[in-house]
């Protein structure tokens, strides 16, 4: 009579092999997904959200959420469906379907991040604004200077804004600002930052005022300032409308040299 333990092993062996094969396939899928996501992240954070703009704009968390789901979902589906007993034709169809689902999810995530990417740091009088692509009054792009009629895809511009040309235009800017669209979001008002630099110097305050305001974070802020390689004694700050609390640090010439994670509106 055959030993009962031999019978149990006979039933268990195929299952162990199947689970091992599925785990190996899912692991390979996971590595491929991570590699592709890494390349996509290099594009997103190298071009669309360079440097600190990944924190100043709102796309970083959305991208991380969508790609995390994408990276996890694909290998889990592979783990669930991978079975060589189906035959290679059936298995290829399953894996191709999973791949298409991942590509679609990744494409959706990229599009969502692209439409909220920061396209400009714009000076609006005595403050800056980080403007995202979705906030731009696109109907005014034909009225913008020729160089500003196509939104950038390789990082934000540094721009200034002109003053209204007439009382009628001044009234229009007030009404549109009350409606949620300020001059920094209106291409017809954009101009080179160099043409607005005098205004930023007049509206800025010494950096020491900001450090005194946030005395409890002085060490953290000084460390950040040291990385900007600017003369601290001559540096000044300007508040900025962005995601979270931030201030723009400018040098003696009015050129932005960095950002500090504290609210400059006081």
C-alpha atoms as a PDB file:
ATOM      1  CA  UNK A   1       0.000   0.000   0.000  1.00  0.00           C
ATOM      2  CA  UNK A   2       1.366   3.431  -0.947  1.00  0.00           C
ATOM      3  CA  UNK A   3       2.490   5.623   1.915  1.00  0.00           C
ATOM      4  CA  UNK A   4      -0.009   8.418   2.647  1.00  0.00           C
ATOM      5  CA  UNK A   5       2.829  10.959   2.822  1.00  0.00           C
ATOM      6  CA  UNK A   6       3.831  10.093  -0.761  1.00  0.00           C
ATOM      7  CA  UNK A   7       0.286  10.777  -1.939  1.00  0.00           C
ATOM      8  CA  UNK A   8       0.243  14.154  -0.172  1.00  0.00           C
ATOM      9  CA  UNK A   9       3.565  15.088  -1.735  1.00  0.00           C
ATOM     10  CA  UNK A  10       2.221  14.140  -5.152  1.00  0.00           C
ATOM     11  CA  UNK A  11      -0.662  16.582  -4.753  1.00  0.00           C
ATOM     12  CA  UNK A  12       1.389  19.370  -3.185  1.00  0.00           C
ATOM     13  CA  UNK A  13       4.352  19.375  -5.549  1.00  0.00           C
ATOM     14  CA  UNK A  14       2.575  20.887  -8.598  1.00  0.00           C
ATOM     15  CA  UNK A  15       1.042  23.614  -6.430  1.00  0.00           C
ATOM     16  CA  UNK A  16       4.438  24.536  -4.988  1.00  0.00           C
ATOM     17  CA  UNK A  17       5.913  24.699  -8.474  1.00  0.00           C
ATOM     18  CA  UNK A  18       2.984  26.826  -9.732  1.00  0.00           C
ATOM     19  CA  UNK A  19       3.276  29.287  -6.844  1.00  0.00           C
ATOM     20  CA  UNK A  20       7.028  29.564  -7.370  1.00  0.00           C
ATOM     21  CA  UNK A  21       6.530  30.233 -11.089  1.00  0.00           C
ATOM     22  CA  UNK A  22       3.903  32.867 -10.385  1.00  0.00           C
ATOM     23  CA  UNK A  23       6.101  34.577  -7.802  1.00  0.00           C
ATOM     24  CA  UNK A  24       9.041  34.616 -10.224  1.00  0.00           C
ATOM     25  CA  UNK A  25       6.902  36.057 -13.035  1.00  0.00           C
ATOM     26  CA  UNK A  26       5.439  38.699 -10.708  1.00  0.00           C
ATOM     27  CA  UNK A  27       8.939  39.615  -9.474  1.00  0.00           C
ATOM     28  CA  UNK A  28      10.197  40.092 -13.024  1.00  0.00           C
ATOM     29  CA  UNK A  29       7.119  42.174 -13.814  1.00  0.00           C
ATOM     30  CA  UNK A  30       7.731  44.283 -10.703  1.00  0.00           C
ATOM     31  CA  UNK A  31      11.350  44.997 -11.708  1.00  0.00           C
ATOM     32  CA  UNK A  32      10.266  46.001 -15.223  1.00  0.00           C
ATOM     33  CA  UNK A  33       7.528  48.255 -13.809  1.00  0.00           C
ATOM     34  CA  UNK A  34       9.957  49.939 -11.416  1.00  0.00           C
ATOM     35  CA  UNK A  35      12.472  50.537 -14.222  1.00  0.00           C
ATOM     36  CA  UNK A  36       9.837  52.100 -16.504  1.00  0.00           C
ATOM     37  CA  UNK A  37       8.468  54.227 -13.665  1.00  0.00           C
ATOM     38  CA  UNK A  38      11.998  55.401 -12.874  1.00  0.00           C
ATOM     39  CA  UNK A  39      12.493  56.577 -16.462  1.00  0.00           C
ATOM     40  CA  UNK A  40       9.130  58.345 -16.436  1.00  0.00           C
ATOM     41  CA  UNK A  41       9.944  59.978 -13.085  1.00  0.00           C
ATOM     42  CA  UNK A  42      13.204  61.288 -14.559  1.00  0.00           C
ATOM     43  CA  UNK A  43      11.164  62.970 -17.293  1.00  0.00           C
ATOM     44  CA  UNK A  44       8.557  64.379 -14.901  1.00  0.00           C
ATOM     45  CA  UNK A  45      10.914  65.698 -12.234  1.00  0.00           C
ATOM     46  CA  UNK A  46      13.767  66.531 -14.584  1.00  0.00           C
ATOM     47  CA  UNK A  47      11.743  68.603 -17.050  1.00  0.00           C
ATOM     48  CA  UNK A  48       8.239  69.401 -15.821  1.00  0.00           C
ATOM     49  CA  UNK A  49       8.895  69.752 -12.081  1.00  0.00           C
ATOM     50  CA  UNK A  50      12.598  70.609 -11.758  1.00  0.00           C
ATOM     51  CA  UNK A  51      14.157  71.064  -8.344  1.00  0.00           C
ATOM     52  CA  UNK A  52      11.946  72.561  -5.668  1.00  0.00           C
ATOM     53  CA  UNK A  53       9.049  72.990  -8.108  1.00  0.00           C
ATOM     54  CA  UNK A  54       8.041  69.420  -7.277  1.00  0.00           C
ATOM     55  CA  UNK A  55       7.043  70.826  -3.879  1.00  0.00           C
ATOM     56  CA  UNK A  56       5.782  74.219  -5.047  1.00  0.00           C
ATOM     57  CA  UNK A  57       3.255  72.704  -7.464  1.00  0.00           C
ATOM     58  CA  UNK A  58       0.571  70.105  -6.893  1.00  0.00           C
ATOM     59  CA  UNK A  59       1.534  67.306  -9.273  1.00  0.00           C
ATOM     60  CA  UNK A  60       4.101  65.389  -7.225  1.00  0.00           C
ATOM     61  CA  UNK A  61       1.694  63.600  -4.888  1.00  0.00           C
ATOM     62  CA  UNK A  62      -0.657  62.790  -7.768  1.00  0.00           C
ATOM     63  CA  UNK A  63       2.191  61.271  -9.780  1.00  0.00           C
ATOM     64  CA  UNK A  64       3.495  59.241  -6.856  1.00  0.00           C
ATOM     65  CA  UNK A  65       0.012  57.936  -6.063  1.00  0.00           C
ATOM     66  CA  UNK A  66      -0.810  56.925  -9.622  1.00  0.00           C
ATOM     67  CA  UNK A  67       2.570  55.331 -10.338  1.00  0.00           C
ATOM     68  CA  UNK A  68       2.555  53.477  -7.017  1.00  0.00           C
ATOM     69  CA  UNK A  69      -0.820  51.964  -7.878  1.00  0.00           C
ATOM     70  CA  UNK A  70       0.436  51.161 -11.384  1.00  0.00           C
ATOM     71  CA  UNK A  71       3.637  49.494 -10.145  1.00  0.00           C
ATOM     72  CA  UNK A  72       1.763  47.398  -7.588  1.00  0.00           C
ATOM     73  CA  UNK A  73      -1.275  46.546  -9.731  1.00  0.00           C
ATOM     74  CA  UNK A  74       0.583  44.995 -12.669  1.00  0.00           C
ATOM     75  CA  UNK A  75       2.693  42.472 -10.726  1.00  0.00           C
ATOM     76  CA  UNK A  76      -0.311  41.529  -8.567  1.00  0.00           C
ATOM     77  CA  UNK A  77      -2.363  40.766 -11.674  1.00  0.00           C
ATOM     78  CA  UNK A  78       0.526  38.734 -13.068  1.00  0.00           C
ATOM     79  CA  UNK A  79       0.727  36.817  -9.802  1.00  0.00           C
ATOM     80  CA  UNK A  80      -2.981  36.054 -10.080  1.00  0.00           C
ATOM     81  CA  UNK A  81      -3.141  34.930 -13.729  1.00  0.00           C
ATOM     82  CA  UNK A  82       0.273  33.423 -14.494  1.00  0.00           C
ATOM     83  CA  UNK A  83      -0.086  29.703 -15.122  1.00  0.00           C
ATOM     84  CA  UNK A  84       1.885  27.814 -17.760  1.00  0.00           C
ATOM     85  CA  UNK A  85      -0.796  25.144 -17.851  1.00  0.00           C
ATOM     86  CA  UNK A  86      -2.968  27.602 -19.808  1.00  0.00           C
ATOM     87  CA  UNK A  87      -0.630  27.381 -22.762  1.00  0.00           C
ATOM     88  CA  UNK A  88       1.601  30.160 -24.097  1.00  0.00           C
ATOM     89  CA  UNK A  89      -1.019  31.629 -26.437  1.00  0.00           C
ATOM     90  CA  UNK A  90      -3.516  32.132 -23.611  1.00  0.00           C
ATOM     91  CA  UNK A  91      -0.814  33.323 -21.222  1.00  0.00           C
ATOM     92  CA  UNK A  92       0.496  35.874 -23.715  1.00  0.00           C
ATOM     93  CA  UNK A  93      -3.006  37.306 -24.100  1.00  0.00           C
ATOM     94  CA  UNK A  94      -3.345  37.629 -20.329  1.00  0.00           C
ATOM     95  CA  UNK A  95       0.031  39.340 -19.948  1.00  0.00           C
ATOM     96  CA  UNK A  96      -0.622  41.622 -22.929  1.00  0.00           C
ATOM     97  CA  UNK A  97      -3.928  42.690 -21.375  1.00  0.00           C
ATOM     98  CA  UNK A  98      -2.196  43.460 -18.080  1.00  0.00           C
ATOM     99  CA  UNK A  99       0.468  45.436 -19.942  1.00  0.00           C
ATOM    100  CA  UNK A 100      -2.174  47.485 -21.757  1.00  0.00           C
ATOM    101  CA  UNK A 101      -3.921  48.233 -18.468  1.00  0.00           C
ATOM    102  CA  UNK A 102      -0.629  49.449 -17.002  1.00  0.00           C
ATOM    103  CA  UNK A 103       0.227  51.563 -20.039  1.00  0.00           C
ATOM    104  CA  UNK A 104      -3.234  53.154 -19.962  1.00  0.00           C
ATOM    105  CA  UNK A 105      -2.945  53.893 -16.238  1.00  0.00           C
ATOM    106  CA  UNK A 106       0.545  55.333 -16.673  1.00  0.00           C
ATOM    107  CA  UNK A 107      -0.603  57.432 -19.624  1.00  0.00           C
ATOM    108  CA  UNK A 108      -3.500  58.806 -17.593  1.00  0.00           C
ATOM    109  CA  UNK A 109      -1.131  59.629 -14.745  1.00  0.00           C
ATOM    110  CA  UNK A 110       1.300  61.391 -17.067  1.00  0.00           C
ATOM    111  CA  UNK A 111      -1.490  63.442 -18.625  1.00  0.00           C
ATOM    112  CA  UNK A 112      -2.856  64.421 -15.213  1.00  0.00           C
ATOM    113  CA  UNK A 113       0.592  65.533 -14.064  1.00  0.00           C
ATOM    114  CA  UNK A 114       1.308  67.322 -17.356  1.00  0.00           C
ATOM    115  CA  UNK A 115      -1.787  69.537 -17.226  1.00  0.00           C
ATOM    116  CA  UNK A 116      -0.962  70.786 -13.715  1.00  0.00           C
ATOM    117  CA  UNK A 117       2.784  71.249 -14.307  1.00  0.00           C
ATOM    118  CA  UNK A 118       4.257  74.635 -13.293  1.00  0.00           C
ATOM    119  CA  UNK A 119       4.875  76.713 -16.406  1.00  0.00           C
ATOM    120  CA  UNK A 120       6.064  79.985 -14.879  1.00  0.00           C
ATOM    121  CA  UNK A 121       7.188  81.836 -11.783  1.00  0.00           C
ATOM    122  CA  UNK A 122       5.487  85.185 -12.367  1.00  0.00           C
ATOM    123  CA  UNK A 123       6.012  88.450 -10.523  1.00  0.00           C
ATOM    124  CA  UNK A 124       2.691  90.138  -9.738  1.00  0.00           C
ATOM    125  CA  UNK A 125       3.550  93.510  -8.252  1.00  0.00           C
ATOM    126  CA  UNK A 126       4.986  92.764  -4.789  1.00  0.00           C
ATOM    127  CA  UNK A 127       4.549  89.002  -4.867  1.00  0.00           C
ATOM    128  CA  UNK A 128       5.379  85.995  -7.007  1.00  0.00           C
ATOM    129  CA  UNK A 129       2.992  83.318  -8.206  1.00  0.00           C
ATOM    130  CA  UNK A 130       3.742  79.771  -9.349  1.00  0.00           C
ATOM    131  CA  UNK A 131       1.431  79.374 -12.343  1.00  0.00           C
ATOM    132  CA  UNK A 132       0.401  75.901 -13.495  1.00  0.00           C
ATOM    133  CA  UNK A 133      -0.679  75.043 -17.024  1.00  0.00           C
ATOM    134  CA  UNK A 134      -4.297  74.513 -15.986  1.00  0.00           C
ATOM    135  CA  UNK A 135      -4.451  77.995 -14.411  1.00  0.00           C
ATOM    136  CA  UNK A 136      -3.448  79.851 -17.580  1.00  0.00           C
ATOM    137  CA  UNK A 137      -6.124  81.858 -19.379  1.00  0.00           C
ATOM    138  CA  UNK A 138      -5.448  80.055 -22.665  1.00  0.00           C
ATOM    139  CA  UNK A 139      -7.907  82.275 -24.532  1.00  0.00           C
ATOM    140  CA  UNK A 140      -5.362  85.095 -24.131  1.00  0.00           C
ATOM    141  CA  UNK A 141      -2.394  83.168 -25.569  1.00  0.00           C
ATOM    142  CA  UNK A 142      -2.877  84.730 -29.038  1.00  0.00           C
ATOM    143  CA  UNK A 143      -2.565  88.162 -27.372  1.00  0.00           C
ATOM    144  CA  UNK A 144       0.718  87.280 -25.639  1.00  0.00           C
ATOM    145  CA  UNK A 145       4.152  88.171 -26.943  1.00  0.00           C
ATOM    146  CA  UNK A 146       5.188  85.684 -29.643  1.00  0.00           C
ATOM    147  CA  UNK A 147       7.694  83.920 -27.395  1.00  0.00           C
ATOM    148  CA  UNK A 148       4.997  83.210 -24.784  1.00  0.00           C
ATOM    149  CA  UNK A 149       2.235  81.828 -27.005  1.00  0.00           C
ATOM    150  CA  UNK A 150       3.224  78.185 -26.472  1.00  0.00           C
ATOM    151  CA  UNK A 151       3.484  76.968 -22.887  1.00  0.00           C
ATOM    152  CA  UNK A 152       6.851  75.451 -21.945  1.00  0.00           C
ATOM    153  CA  UNK A 153       7.388  71.719 -21.456  1.00  0.00           C
ATOM    154  CA  UNK A 154      10.991  71.936 -20.248  1.00  0.00           C
ATOM    155  CA  UNK A 155      10.540  73.789 -16.971  1.00  0.00           C
ATOM    156  CA  UNK A 156       8.983  77.041 -15.756  1.00  0.00           C
ATOM    157  CA  UNK A 157       9.694  80.462 -17.204  1.00  0.00           C
ATOM    158  CA  UNK A 158      10.632  83.437 -15.036  1.00  0.00           C
ATOM    159  CA  UNK A 159       8.259  86.252 -15.981  1.00  0.00           C
ATOM    160  CA  UNK A 160       7.073  89.684 -14.981  1.00  0.00           C
ATOM    161  CA  UNK A 161       3.709  91.336 -15.606  1.00  0.00           C
ATOM    162  CA  UNK A 162       3.000  94.701 -17.183  1.00  0.00           C
ATOM    163  CA  UNK A 163       0.699  97.363 -15.775  1.00  0.00           C
ATOM    164  CA  UNK A 164      -2.778  97.925 -17.271  1.00  0.00           C
ATOM    165  CA  UNK A 165      -2.682 100.276 -20.261  1.00  0.00           C
ATOM    166  CA  UNK A 166      -5.987 102.054 -19.574  1.00  0.00           C
ATOM    167  CA  UNK A 167      -8.626 102.584 -16.915  1.00  0.00           C
ATOM    168  CA  UNK A 168     -10.870 100.126 -18.719  1.00  0.00           C
ATOM    169  CA  UNK A 169      -8.156  97.464 -18.684  1.00  0.00           C
ATOM    170  CA  UNK A 170      -7.445  98.234 -15.030  1.00  0.00           C
ATOM    171  CA  UNK A 171     -11.086  97.642 -14.168  1.00  0.00           C
ATOM    172  CA  UNK A 172     -11.067  94.429 -16.190  1.00  0.00           C
ATOM    173  CA  UNK A 173      -8.048  93.116 -14.279  1.00  0.00           C
ATOM    174  CA  UNK A 174      -9.781  93.794 -10.956  1.00  0.00           C
ATOM    175  CA  UNK A 175     -12.961  91.964 -11.964  1.00  0.00           C
ATOM    176  CA  UNK A 176     -11.052  88.994 -13.364  1.00  0.00           C
ATOM    177  CA  UNK A 177      -8.856  88.825 -10.267  1.00  0.00           C
ATOM    178  CA  UNK A 178     -11.983  88.722  -8.100  1.00  0.00           C
ATOM    179  CA  UNK A 179     -13.203  85.906 -10.340  1.00  0.00           C
ATOM    180  CA  UNK A 180      -9.994  83.948  -9.671  1.00  0.00           C
ATOM    181  CA  UNK A 181      -7.769  84.855 -12.628  1.00  0.00           C
ATOM    182  CA  UNK A 182      -5.000  87.305 -11.744  1.00  0.00           C
ATOM    183  CA  UNK A 183      -2.567  88.988 -14.131  1.00  0.00           C
ATOM    184  CA  UNK A 184       0.086  86.314 -13.565  1.00  0.00           C
ATOM    185  CA  UNK A 185      -2.283  83.777 -15.119  1.00  0.00           C
ATOM    186  CA  UNK A 186      -3.080  85.980 -18.113  1.00  0.00           C
ATOM    187  CA  UNK A 187      -0.632  85.668 -21.037  1.00  0.00           C
ATOM    188  CA  UNK A 188      -1.591  89.083 -22.412  1.00  0.00           C
ATOM    189  CA  UNK A 189       0.089  90.635 -19.337  1.00  0.00           C
ATOM    190  CA  UNK A 190       3.291  88.584 -19.395  1.00  0.00           C
ATOM    191  CA  UNK A 191       6.567  90.319 -20.064  1.00  0.00           C
ATOM    192  CA  UNK A 192      10.265  89.518 -19.543  1.00  0.00           C
ATOM    193  CA  UNK A 193      11.237  89.478 -15.893  1.00  0.00           C
ATOM    194  CA  UNK A 194      13.967  92.035 -16.567  1.00  0.00           C
ATOM    195  CA  UNK A 195      11.253  94.604 -17.326  1.00  0.00           C
ATOM    196  CA  UNK A 196       9.711  94.091 -13.867  1.00  0.00           C
ATOM    197  CA  UNK A 197      12.881  93.753 -11.811  1.00  0.00           C
ATOM    198  CA  UNK A 198      12.773  97.292 -10.420  1.00  0.00           C
ATOM    199  CA  UNK A 199       9.359  96.573  -8.928  1.00  0.00           C
ATOM    200  CA  UNK A 200      10.478  93.424  -7.138  1.00  0.00           C
ATOM    201  CA  UNK A 201      13.324  95.260  -5.426  1.00  0.00           C
ATOM    202  CA  UNK A 202      10.974  98.007  -4.261  1.00  0.00           C
ATOM    203  CA  UNK A 203       8.453  95.522  -2.889  1.00  0.00           C
ATOM    204  CA  UNK A 204      10.924  93.138  -1.241  1.00  0.00           C
ATOM    205  CA  UNK A 205      12.150  93.115   2.359  1.00  0.00           C
ATOM    206  CA  UNK A 206      15.502  92.233   3.936  1.00  0.00           C
ATOM    207  CA  UNK A 207      16.021  88.537   4.516  1.00  0.00           C
ATOM    208  CA  UNK A 208      16.785  89.277   8.160  1.00  0.00           C
ATOM    209  CA  UNK A 209      13.127  90.238   8.669  1.00  0.00           C
ATOM    210  CA  UNK A 210      12.071  86.756   7.569  1.00  0.00           C
ATOM    211  CA  UNK A 211      14.643  85.076   9.813  1.00  0.00           C
ATOM    212  CA  UNK A 212      13.471  87.142  12.779  1.00  0.00           C
ATOM    213  CA  UNK A 213       9.858  86.195  12.062  1.00  0.00           C
ATOM    214  CA  UNK A 214      10.692  82.485  12.166  1.00  0.00           C
ATOM    215  CA  UNK A 215      13.245  82.522  14.956  1.00  0.00           C
ATOM    216  CA  UNK A 216      12.423  78.920  15.909  1.00  0.00           C
ATOM    217  CA  UNK A 217      13.445  77.781  12.401  1.00  0.00           C
ATOM    218  CA  UNK A 218      16.469  80.034  12.001  1.00  0.00           C
ATOM    219  CA  UNK A 219      18.990  77.165  11.831  1.00  0.00           C
ATOM    220  CA  UNK A 220      16.948  75.325   9.186  1.00  0.00           C
ATOM    221  CA  UNK A 221      16.505  78.485   7.119  1.00  0.00           C
ATOM    222  CA  UNK A 222      20.169  79.477   7.350  1.00  0.00           C
ATOM    223  CA  UNK A 223      21.181  76.032   6.124  1.00  0.00           C
ATOM    224  CA  UNK A 224      18.863  76.435   3.133  1.00  0.00           C
ATOM    225  CA  UNK A 225      20.195  79.938   2.431  1.00  0.00           C
ATOM    226  CA  UNK A 226      23.799  78.740   2.469  1.00  0.00           C
ATOM    227  CA  UNK A 227      22.958  76.403  -0.399  1.00  0.00           C
ATOM    228  CA  UNK A 228      21.825  79.371  -2.496  1.00  0.00           C
ATOM    229  CA  UNK A 229      25.349  80.847  -2.611  1.00  0.00           C
ATOM    230  CA  UNK A 230      24.244  84.441  -2.221  1.00  0.00           C
ATOM    231  CA  UNK A 231      25.235  87.331   0.025  1.00  0.00           C
ATOM    232  CA  UNK A 232      22.919  86.912   3.015  1.00  0.00           C
ATOM    233  CA  UNK A 233      23.406  90.523   4.109  1.00  0.00           C
ATOM    234  CA  UNK A 234      22.202  91.808   0.721  1.00  0.00           C
ATOM    235  CA  UNK A 235      19.563  89.136   0.072  1.00  0.00           C
ATOM    236  CA  UNK A 236      15.875  89.958   0.273  1.00  0.00           C
ATOM    237  CA  UNK A 237      12.628  88.010   0.156  1.00  0.00           C
ATOM    238  CA  UNK A 238       9.268  88.227  -1.589  1.00  0.00           C
ATOM    239  CA  UNK A 239       6.130  86.191  -0.750  1.00  0.00           C
ATOM    240  CA  UNK A 240       4.911  83.685  -3.313  1.00  0.00           C
ATOM    241  CA  UNK A 241       1.540  82.117  -4.018  1.00  0.00           C
ATOM    242  CA  UNK A 242       2.239  78.413  -4.380  1.00  0.00           C
ATOM    243  CA  UNK A 243       1.279  75.083  -2.896  1.00  0.00           C
ATOM    244  CA  UNK A 244       1.994  75.436   0.814  1.00  0.00           C
ATOM    245  CA  UNK A 245       3.888  78.238   2.545  1.00  0.00           C
ATOM    246  CA  UNK A 246       6.904  79.571   0.641  1.00  0.00           C
ATOM    247  CA  UNK A 247       8.977  82.688   0.084  1.00  0.00           C
ATOM    248  CA  UNK A 248      11.261  83.594  -2.808  1.00  0.00           C
ATOM    249  CA  UNK A 249      14.789  84.741  -1.970  1.00  0.00           C
ATOM    250  CA  UNK A 250      16.283  87.317  -4.347  1.00  0.00           C
ATOM    251  CA  UNK A 251      19.796  88.713  -4.531  1.00  0.00           C
ATOM    252  CA  UNK A 252      20.777  92.387  -4.620  1.00  0.00           C
ATOM    253  CA  UNK A 253      20.012  92.556  -8.354  1.00  0.00           C
ATOM    254  CA  UNK A 254      16.489  91.179  -7.917  1.00  0.00           C
ATOM    255  CA  UNK A 255      17.276  87.764  -9.382  1.00  0.00           C
ATOM    256  CA  UNK A 256      15.521  84.830  -7.637  1.00  0.00           C
ATOM    257  CA  UNK A 257      18.136  82.531  -6.129  1.00  0.00           C
ATOM    258  CA  UNK A 258      15.978  80.094  -4.170  1.00  0.00           C
ATOM    259  CA  UNK A 259      12.943  79.356  -2.057  1.00  0.00           C
ATOM    260  CA  UNK A 260      12.368  79.037   1.675  1.00  0.00           C
ATOM    261  CA  UNK A 261       9.511  76.910   3.082  1.00  0.00           C
ATOM    262  CA  UNK A 262       7.941  79.678   5.184  1.00  0.00           C
ATOM    263  CA  UNK A 263       5.043  82.062   4.605  1.00  0.00           C
ATOM    264  CA  UNK A 264       6.241  85.488   3.464  1.00  0.00           C
ATOM    265  CA  UNK A 265       2.823  87.151   3.691  1.00  0.00           C
ATOM    266  CA  UNK A 266       3.036  89.117   6.933  1.00  0.00           C
END
